[in-house]
Amino acid sequence: MFGAVLALFGTVTALWITGTTLNIVSFLGAIIGVGIVAKNGILMLDLVDHHRGLGLNLEDALVRSGHRRLRPVLMTSLAAALGMLPLAWGIGSGADMLRPLAVAVIGALCISVLLVAGGNAGALLRAEAIRAAEFRR
């Protein structure tokens, strides 16, 4: 959930910086960006659940998950963003029509990759602290 908010923030920021209009194609780019970010979050948090099932505490599970899954997340996001660069630059036939899509996806991925690893971990730690505080009541 936190990653989706960051992806939408990245999309709007990239569209604003480039002066690209918000239209149906840029909305499609935002949806693609949110989907990739959600997949990355699931990839990270699935391994956290696996480590928690093995008996590790939350902090150790987050560190091990981040260490193991950071490279695949970076590779997926970097490949998608670099694949969109020709469209964002307007190279090729039909690139002008799909430029908003490329800008939206690149913005979503850039912001979320920078912040989602720490953001998801921080949100999970905060949720665990709230759950523990309510359990003690």
N, C-alpha and C. Protein backbone atom coordinates (compact mmCIF):
# COMPACT_ATOMS: atom_id res chain seq x y z
N MET A 1 0.83 -1.19 0.00
CA MET A 1 0.00 0.00 0.00
C MET A 1 0.87 1.25 0.00
N PHE A 2 1.90 1.25 0.83
CA PHE A 2 2.78 2.40 0.90
C PHE A 2 3.52 2.60 -0.41
N GLY A 3 3.89 1.51 -1.05
CA GLY A 3 4.58 1.59 -2.33
C GLY A 3 3.69 2.18 -3.42
N ALA A 4 2.40 1.90 -3.38
CA ALA A 4 1.48 2.46 -4.37
C ALA A 4 1.39 3.98 -4.24
N VAL A 5 1.35 4.46 -3.02
CA VAL A 5 1.32 5.91 -2.80
C VAL A 5 2.59 6.56 -3.32
N LEU A 6 3.74 5.92 -3.05
CA LEU A 6 5.00 6.45 -3.56
C LEU A 6 5.05 6.41 -5.08
N ALA A 7 4.53 5.35 -5.68
CA ALA A 7 4.51 5.26 -7.13
C ALA A 7 3.64 6.35 -7.75
N LEU A 8 2.49 6.61 -7.16
CA LEU A 8 1.64 7.68 -7.67
C LEU A 8 2.29 9.05 -7.48
N PHE A 9 2.96 9.24 -6.36
CA PHE A 9 3.70 10.48 -6.15
C PHE A 9 4.79 10.64 -7.20
N GLY A 10 5.51 9.57 -7.49
CA GLY A 10 6.55 9.62 -8.51
C GLY A 10 5.98 9.91 -9.89
N THR A 11 4.82 9.34 -10.20
CA THR A 11 4.19 9.58 -11.48
C THR A 11 3.81 11.05 -11.64
N VAL A 12 3.13 11.59 -10.64
CA VAL A 12 2.70 12.99 -10.70
C VAL A 12 3.90 13.92 -10.75
N THR A 13 4.93 13.62 -9.98
CA THR A 13 6.13 14.45 -9.97
C THR A 13 6.82 14.43 -11.33
N ALA A 14 6.96 13.26 -11.92
CA ALA A 14 7.61 13.16 -13.23
C ALA A 14 6.81 13.88 -14.31
N LEU A 15 5.50 13.74 -14.26
CA LEU A 15 4.66 14.44 -15.23
C LEU A 15 4.78 15.96 -15.06
N TRP A 16 4.84 16.40 -13.83
CA TRP A 16 4.96 17.83 -13.55
C TRP A 16 6.32 18.38 -14.00
N ILE A 17 7.39 17.64 -13.70
CA ILE A 17 8.74 18.09 -14.08
C ILE A 17 8.89 18.18 -15.59
N THR A 18 8.35 17.20 -16.31
CA THR A 18 8.51 17.18 -17.76
C THR A 18 7.46 18.01 -18.48
N GLY A 19 6.47 18.50 -17.78
CA GLY A 19 5.42 19.29 -18.41
C GLY A 19 4.48 18.45 -19.26
N THR A 20 4.39 17.19 -18.95
CA THR A 20 3.52 16.27 -19.69
C THR A 20 2.12 16.33 -19.10
N THR A 21 1.13 16.28 -19.97
CA THR A 21 -0.25 16.38 -19.51
C THR A 21 -0.70 15.08 -18.85
N LEU A 22 -1.66 15.20 -17.98
CA LEU A 22 -2.27 14.04 -17.33
C LEU A 22 -3.44 13.60 -18.21
N ASN A 23 -3.29 12.45 -18.85
CA ASN A 23 -4.33 11.94 -19.74
C ASN A 23 -4.47 10.44 -19.54
N ILE A 24 -5.25 9.82 -20.39
CA ILE A 24 -5.53 8.39 -20.22
C ILE A 24 -4.27 7.54 -20.38
N VAL A 25 -3.37 7.97 -21.24
CA VAL A 25 -2.13 7.21 -21.43
C VAL A 25 -1.23 7.33 -20.21
N SER A 26 -1.17 8.51 -19.60
CA SER A 26 -0.36 8.65 -18.39
C SER A 26 -1.01 7.91 -17.22
N PHE A 27 -2.35 7.84 -17.19
CA PHE A 27 -3.00 7.01 -16.17
C PHE A 27 -2.62 5.54 -16.34
N LEU A 28 -2.55 5.09 -17.58
CA LEU A 28 -2.12 3.72 -17.84
C LEU A 28 -0.69 3.50 -17.35
N GLY A 29 0.18 4.49 -17.57
CA GLY A 29 1.55 4.41 -17.05
C GLY A 29 1.58 4.35 -15.53
N ALA A 30 0.69 5.10 -14.89
CA ALA A 30 0.62 5.06 -13.42
C ALA A 30 0.19 3.68 -12.95
N ILE A 31 -0.76 3.07 -13.65
CA ILE A 31 -1.21 1.73 -13.28
C ILE A 31 -0.09 0.72 -13.45
N ILE A 32 0.66 0.82 -14.54
CA ILE A 32 1.79 -0.08 -14.76
C ILE A 32 2.84 0.12 -13.66
N GLY A 33 3.14 1.36 -13.34
CA GLY A 33 4.11 1.65 -12.28
C GLY A 33 3.69 1.10 -10.93
N VAL A 34 2.43 1.29 -10.59
CA VAL A 34 1.92 0.76 -9.32
C VAL A 34 2.00 -0.76 -9.31
N GLY A 35 1.72 -1.39 -10.45
CA GLY A 35 1.79 -2.85 -10.53
C GLY A 35 3.20 -3.37 -10.32
N ILE A 36 4.18 -2.73 -10.93
CA ILE A 36 5.57 -3.16 -10.76
C ILE A 36 6.02 -2.94 -9.33
N VAL A 37 5.63 -1.81 -8.75
CA VAL A 37 6.01 -1.52 -7.36
C VAL A 37 5.35 -2.51 -6.41
N ALA A 38 4.09 -2.85 -6.67
CA ALA A 38 3.41 -3.84 -5.82
C ALA A 38 4.10 -5.19 -5.91
N LYS A 39 4.50 -5.58 -7.12
CA LYS A 39 5.21 -6.84 -7.29
C LYS A 39 6.52 -6.83 -6.51
N ASN A 40 7.23 -5.72 -6.55
CA ASN A 40 8.48 -5.62 -5.80
C ASN A 40 8.24 -5.71 -4.30
N GLY A 41 7.19 -5.07 -3.82
CA GLY A 41 6.86 -5.15 -2.40
C GLY A 41 6.48 -6.55 -1.97
N ILE A 42 5.72 -7.24 -2.80
CA ILE A 42 5.35 -8.62 -2.50
C ILE A 42 6.58 -9.50 -2.46
N LEU A 43 7.49 -9.28 -3.39
CA LEU A 43 8.73 -10.05 -3.44
C LEU A 43 9.53 -9.88 -2.15
N MET A 44 9.61 -8.65 -1.66
CA MET A 44 10.37 -8.40 -0.43
C MET A 44 9.65 -8.97 0.80
N LEU A 45 8.36 -8.68 0.92
CA LEU A 45 7.64 -9.05 2.14
C LEU A 45 7.33 -10.55 2.21
N ASP A 46 7.31 -11.23 1.08
CA ASP A 46 7.11 -12.68 1.11
C ASP A 46 8.29 -13.36 1.81
N LEU A 47 9.48 -12.89 1.52
CA LEU A 47 10.65 -13.47 2.17
C LEU A 47 10.70 -13.10 3.66
N VAL A 48 10.18 -11.93 4.01
CA VAL A 48 10.10 -11.56 5.43
C VAL A 48 9.19 -12.55 6.15
N ASP A 49 8.04 -12.86 5.56
CA ASP A 49 7.13 -13.84 6.17
C ASP A 49 7.79 -15.21 6.29
N HIS A 50 8.56 -15.59 5.28
CA HIS A 50 9.26 -16.87 5.33
C HIS A 50 10.25 -16.90 6.49
N HIS A 51 11.04 -15.84 6.64
CA HIS A 51 12.01 -15.78 7.74
C HIS A 51 11.32 -15.72 9.10
N ARG A 52 10.18 -15.03 9.16
CA ARG A 52 9.44 -15.00 10.43
C ARG A 52 8.93 -16.39 10.79
N GLY A 53 8.54 -17.15 9.78
CA GLY A 53 8.10 -18.53 10.02
C GLY A 53 9.22 -19.42 10.52
N LEU A 54 10.46 -19.07 10.18
CA LEU A 54 11.61 -19.83 10.68
C LEU A 54 12.02 -19.43 12.09
N GLY A 55 11.35 -18.40 12.64
CA GLY A 55 11.61 -18.02 14.01
C GLY A 55 12.45 -16.77 14.21
N LEU A 56 12.78 -16.06 13.14
CA LEU A 56 13.55 -14.82 13.29
C LEU A 56 12.64 -13.70 13.75
N ASN A 57 13.21 -12.73 14.48
CA ASN A 57 12.42 -11.57 14.84
C ASN A 57 12.26 -10.68 13.62
N LEU A 58 11.40 -9.68 13.72
CA LEU A 58 11.03 -8.86 12.56
C LEU A 58 12.22 -8.11 11.98
N GLU A 59 13.05 -7.54 12.84
CA GLU A 59 14.18 -6.76 12.35
C GLU A 59 15.17 -7.62 11.56
N ASP A 60 15.50 -8.78 12.10
CA ASP A 60 16.42 -9.68 11.40
C ASP A 60 15.81 -10.19 10.08
N ALA A 61 14.51 -10.47 10.10
CA ALA A 61 13.85 -10.93 8.88
C ALA A 61 13.86 -9.84 7.81
N LEU A 62 13.66 -8.58 8.21
CA LEU A 62 13.70 -7.48 7.26
C LEU A 62 15.10 -7.30 6.67
N VAL A 63 16.11 -7.40 7.51
CA VAL A 63 17.48 -7.25 7.02
C VAL A 63 17.84 -8.37 6.05
N ARG A 64 17.51 -9.59 6.40
CA ARG A 64 17.83 -10.72 5.51
C ARG A 64 17.05 -10.64 4.21
N SER A 65 15.79 -10.25 4.30
CA SER A 65 14.98 -10.11 3.09
C SER A 65 15.53 -9.00 2.19
N GLY A 66 15.89 -7.89 2.78
CA GLY A 66 16.45 -6.79 2.00
C GLY A 66 17.76 -7.18 1.34
N HIS A 67 18.57 -7.92 2.06
CA HIS A 67 19.85 -8.36 1.51
C HIS A 67 19.66 -9.32 0.35
N ARG A 68 18.69 -10.21 0.48
CA ARG A 68 18.49 -11.26 -0.53
C ARG A 68 17.71 -10.76 -1.75
N ARG A 69 16.74 -9.88 -1.53
CA ARG A 69 15.83 -9.51 -2.62
C ARG A 69 16.09 -8.13 -3.23
N LEU A 70 17.06 -7.40 -2.73
CA LEU A 70 17.29 -6.06 -3.26
C LEU A 70 17.75 -6.10 -4.71
N ARG A 71 18.63 -7.00 -5.06
CA ARG A 71 19.13 -7.07 -6.43
C ARG A 71 18.03 -7.40 -7.44
N PRO A 72 17.16 -8.40 -7.21
CA PRO A 72 16.09 -8.63 -8.19
C PRO A 72 15.13 -7.44 -8.32
N VAL A 73 14.85 -6.76 -7.21
CA VAL A 73 13.97 -5.60 -7.27
C VAL A 73 14.62 -4.49 -8.09
N LEU A 74 15.90 -4.23 -7.85
CA LEU A 74 16.60 -3.20 -8.61
C LEU A 74 16.70 -3.57 -10.08
N MET A 75 16.97 -4.82 -10.37
CA MET A 75 17.10 -5.24 -11.77
C MET A 75 15.78 -5.10 -12.52
N THR A 76 14.68 -5.49 -11.90
CA THR A 76 13.37 -5.38 -12.54
C THR A 76 13.01 -3.92 -12.80
N SER A 77 13.20 -3.10 -11.80
CA SER A 77 12.84 -1.68 -11.93
C SER A 77 13.74 -0.97 -12.92
N LEU A 78 15.02 -1.26 -12.87
CA LEU A 78 15.95 -0.62 -13.80
C LEU A 78 15.68 -1.05 -15.24
N ALA A 79 15.39 -2.32 -15.45
CA ALA A 79 15.09 -2.79 -16.80
C ALA A 79 13.83 -2.13 -17.34
N ALA A 80 12.80 -2.01 -16.51
CA ALA A 80 11.57 -1.38 -16.97
C ALA A 80 11.78 0.11 -17.26
N ALA A 81 12.50 0.80 -16.39
CA ALA A 81 12.74 2.23 -16.60
C ALA A 81 13.62 2.47 -17.83
N LEU A 82 14.67 1.69 -17.99
CA LEU A 82 15.54 1.86 -19.15
C LEU A 82 14.83 1.47 -20.45
N GLY A 83 13.94 0.51 -20.37
CA GLY A 83 13.16 0.13 -21.55
C GLY A 83 12.20 1.22 -22.00
N MET A 84 11.80 2.07 -21.08
CA MET A 84 10.89 3.17 -21.41
C MET A 84 11.60 4.43 -21.89
N LEU A 85 12.91 4.49 -21.73
CA LEU A 85 13.64 5.71 -22.11
C LEU A 85 13.46 6.11 -23.57
N PRO A 86 13.54 5.20 -24.55
CA PRO A 86 13.31 5.64 -25.93
C PRO A 86 11.94 6.27 -26.15
N LEU A 87 10.93 5.75 -25.49
CA LEU A 87 9.60 6.36 -25.60
C LEU A 87 9.57 7.73 -24.94
N ALA A 88 10.21 7.86 -23.79
CA ALA A 88 10.22 9.15 -23.09
C ALA A 88 10.97 10.21 -23.88
N TRP A 89 11.99 9.79 -24.61
CA TRP A 89 12.75 10.74 -25.43
C TRP A 89 12.08 11.03 -26.75
N GLY A 90 11.08 10.24 -27.11
CA GLY A 90 10.37 10.46 -28.37
C GLY A 90 11.06 9.84 -29.56
N ILE A 91 11.79 8.78 -29.34
CA ILE A 91 12.51 8.10 -30.43
C ILE A 91 11.62 7.00 -30.98
N GLY A 92 11.43 6.97 -32.27
CA GLY A 92 10.68 5.91 -32.92
C GLY A 92 9.28 6.35 -33.31
N SER A 93 8.63 5.51 -34.12
CA SER A 93 7.29 5.85 -34.58
C SER A 93 6.28 5.62 -33.46
N GLY A 94 5.39 6.56 -33.31
CA GLY A 94 4.36 6.48 -32.28
C GLY A 94 4.84 6.86 -30.88
N ALA A 95 6.05 7.33 -30.78
CA ALA A 95 6.60 7.65 -29.47
C ALA A 95 5.93 8.86 -28.84
N ASP A 96 5.49 9.80 -29.68
CA ASP A 96 4.83 10.98 -29.12
C ASP A 96 3.53 10.62 -28.41
N MET A 97 2.83 9.64 -28.93
CA MET A 97 1.58 9.22 -28.31
C MET A 97 1.82 8.52 -26.97
N LEU A 98 2.91 7.74 -26.88
CA LEU A 98 3.18 6.96 -25.68
C LEU A 98 4.16 7.63 -24.72
N ARG A 99 4.57 8.85 -25.01
CA ARG A 99 5.50 9.55 -24.13
C ARG A 99 4.95 9.71 -22.71
N PRO A 100 3.68 10.10 -22.52
CA PRO A 100 3.17 10.21 -21.14
C PRO A 100 3.22 8.89 -20.37
N LEU A 101 3.00 7.77 -21.06
CA LEU A 101 3.09 6.47 -20.41
C LEU A 101 4.50 6.22 -19.91
N ALA A 102 5.48 6.48 -20.75
CA ALA A 102 6.87 6.24 -20.38
C ALA A 102 7.29 7.14 -19.23
N VAL A 103 6.92 8.41 -19.28
CA VAL A 103 7.28 9.34 -18.21
C VAL A 103 6.64 8.91 -16.89
N ALA A 104 5.39 8.47 -16.95
CA ALA A 104 4.69 8.04 -15.73
C ALA A 104 5.34 6.80 -15.13
N VAL A 105 5.68 5.83 -15.95
CA VAL A 105 6.31 4.61 -15.44
C VAL A 105 7.69 4.91 -14.87
N ILE A 106 8.47 5.68 -15.58
CA ILE A 106 9.82 6.01 -15.10
C ILE A 106 9.74 6.77 -13.78
N GLY A 107 8.83 7.73 -13.68
CA GLY A 107 8.68 8.47 -12.42
C GLY A 107 8.26 7.58 -11.26
N ALA A 108 7.31 6.69 -11.52
CA ALA A 108 6.85 5.78 -10.47
C ALA A 108 7.98 4.89 -9.99
N LEU A 109 8.75 4.36 -10.92
CA LEU A 109 9.81 3.44 -10.54
C LEU A 109 10.97 4.14 -9.84
N CYS A 110 11.33 5.30 -10.31
CA CYS A 110 12.47 6.01 -9.70
C CYS A 110 12.19 6.38 -8.25
N ILE A 111 11.05 6.98 -8.00
CA ILE A 111 10.72 7.38 -6.63
C ILE A 111 10.53 6.17 -5.73
N SER A 112 9.82 5.17 -6.22
CA SER A 112 9.51 4.04 -5.36
C SER A 112 10.72 3.19 -5.06
N VAL A 113 11.63 3.02 -6.03
CA VAL A 113 12.83 2.22 -5.76
C VAL A 113 13.69 2.91 -4.71
N LEU A 114 13.74 4.22 -4.77
CA LEU A 114 14.54 4.95 -3.79
C LEU A 114 13.95 4.84 -2.38
N LEU A 115 12.64 4.81 -2.29
CA LEU A 115 12.01 4.92 -0.98
C LEU A 115 11.27 3.68 -0.50
N VAL A 116 10.94 2.75 -1.38
CA VAL A 116 10.05 1.67 -0.98
C VAL A 116 10.73 0.66 -0.06
N ALA A 117 12.01 0.42 -0.23
CA ALA A 117 12.67 -0.56 0.64
C ALA A 117 12.62 -0.09 2.09
N GLY A 118 12.99 1.13 2.32
CA GLY A 118 12.92 1.68 3.67
C GLY A 118 11.50 1.95 4.11
N GLY A 119 10.66 2.36 3.18
CA GLY A 119 9.28 2.68 3.51
C GLY A 119 8.48 1.47 3.91
N ASN A 120 8.61 0.38 3.15
CA ASN A 120 7.89 -0.85 3.50
C ASN A 120 8.39 -1.41 4.83
N ALA A 121 9.69 -1.38 5.02
CA ALA A 121 10.24 -1.89 6.27
C ALA A 121 9.78 -1.04 7.45
N GLY A 122 9.82 0.27 7.28
CA GLY A 122 9.37 1.16 8.35
C GLY A 122 7.89 1.01 8.66
N ALA A 123 7.08 0.89 7.61
CA ALA A 123 5.64 0.70 7.81
C ALA A 123 5.35 -0.63 8.50
N LEU A 124 6.08 -1.67 8.13
CA LEU A 124 5.89 -2.97 8.76
C LEU A 124 6.31 -2.94 10.23
N LEU A 125 7.43 -2.29 10.51
CA LEU A 125 7.87 -2.16 11.90
C LEU A 125 6.86 -1.36 12.73
N ARG A 126 6.33 -0.29 12.15
CA ARG A 126 5.35 0.54 12.87
C ARG A 126 4.07 -0.25 13.12
N ALA A 127 3.61 -1.00 12.12
CA ALA A 127 2.40 -1.80 12.30
C ALA A 127 2.60 -2.86 13.37
N GLU A 128 3.78 -3.45 13.41
CA GLU A 128 4.08 -4.46 14.43
C GLU A 128 4.10 -3.83 15.83
N ALA A 129 4.64 -2.61 15.93
CA ALA A 129 4.68 -1.92 17.23
C ALA A 129 3.26 -1.58 17.70
N ILE A 130 2.41 -1.15 16.78
CA ILE A 130 1.02 -0.83 17.14
C ILE A 130 0.29 -2.09 17.56
N ARG A 131 0.52 -3.18 16.84
CA ARG A 131 -0.14 -4.44 17.18
C ARG A 131 0.31 -4.92 18.56
N ALA A 132 1.60 -4.79 18.86
CA ALA A 132 2.11 -5.22 20.16
C ALA A 132 1.56 -4.34 21.28
N ALA A 133 1.42 -3.04 21.03
CA ALA A 133 0.87 -2.14 22.05
C ALA A 133 -0.59 -2.45 22.33
N GLU A 134 -1.37 -2.76 21.30
CA GLU A 134 -2.77 -3.11 21.50
C GLU A 134 -2.92 -4.45 22.20
N PHE A 135 -1.98 -5.37 21.92
CA PHE A 135 -2.04 -6.69 22.55
C PHE A 135 -1.77 -6.58 24.06
N ARG A 136 -0.92 -5.64 24.47
CA ARG A 136 -0.58 -5.48 25.89
C ARG A 136 -1.72 -4.86 26.68
N ARG A 137 -2.64 -4.21 26.02
CA ARG A 137 -3.75 -3.55 26.75
C ARG A 137 -4.66 -4.51 27.36
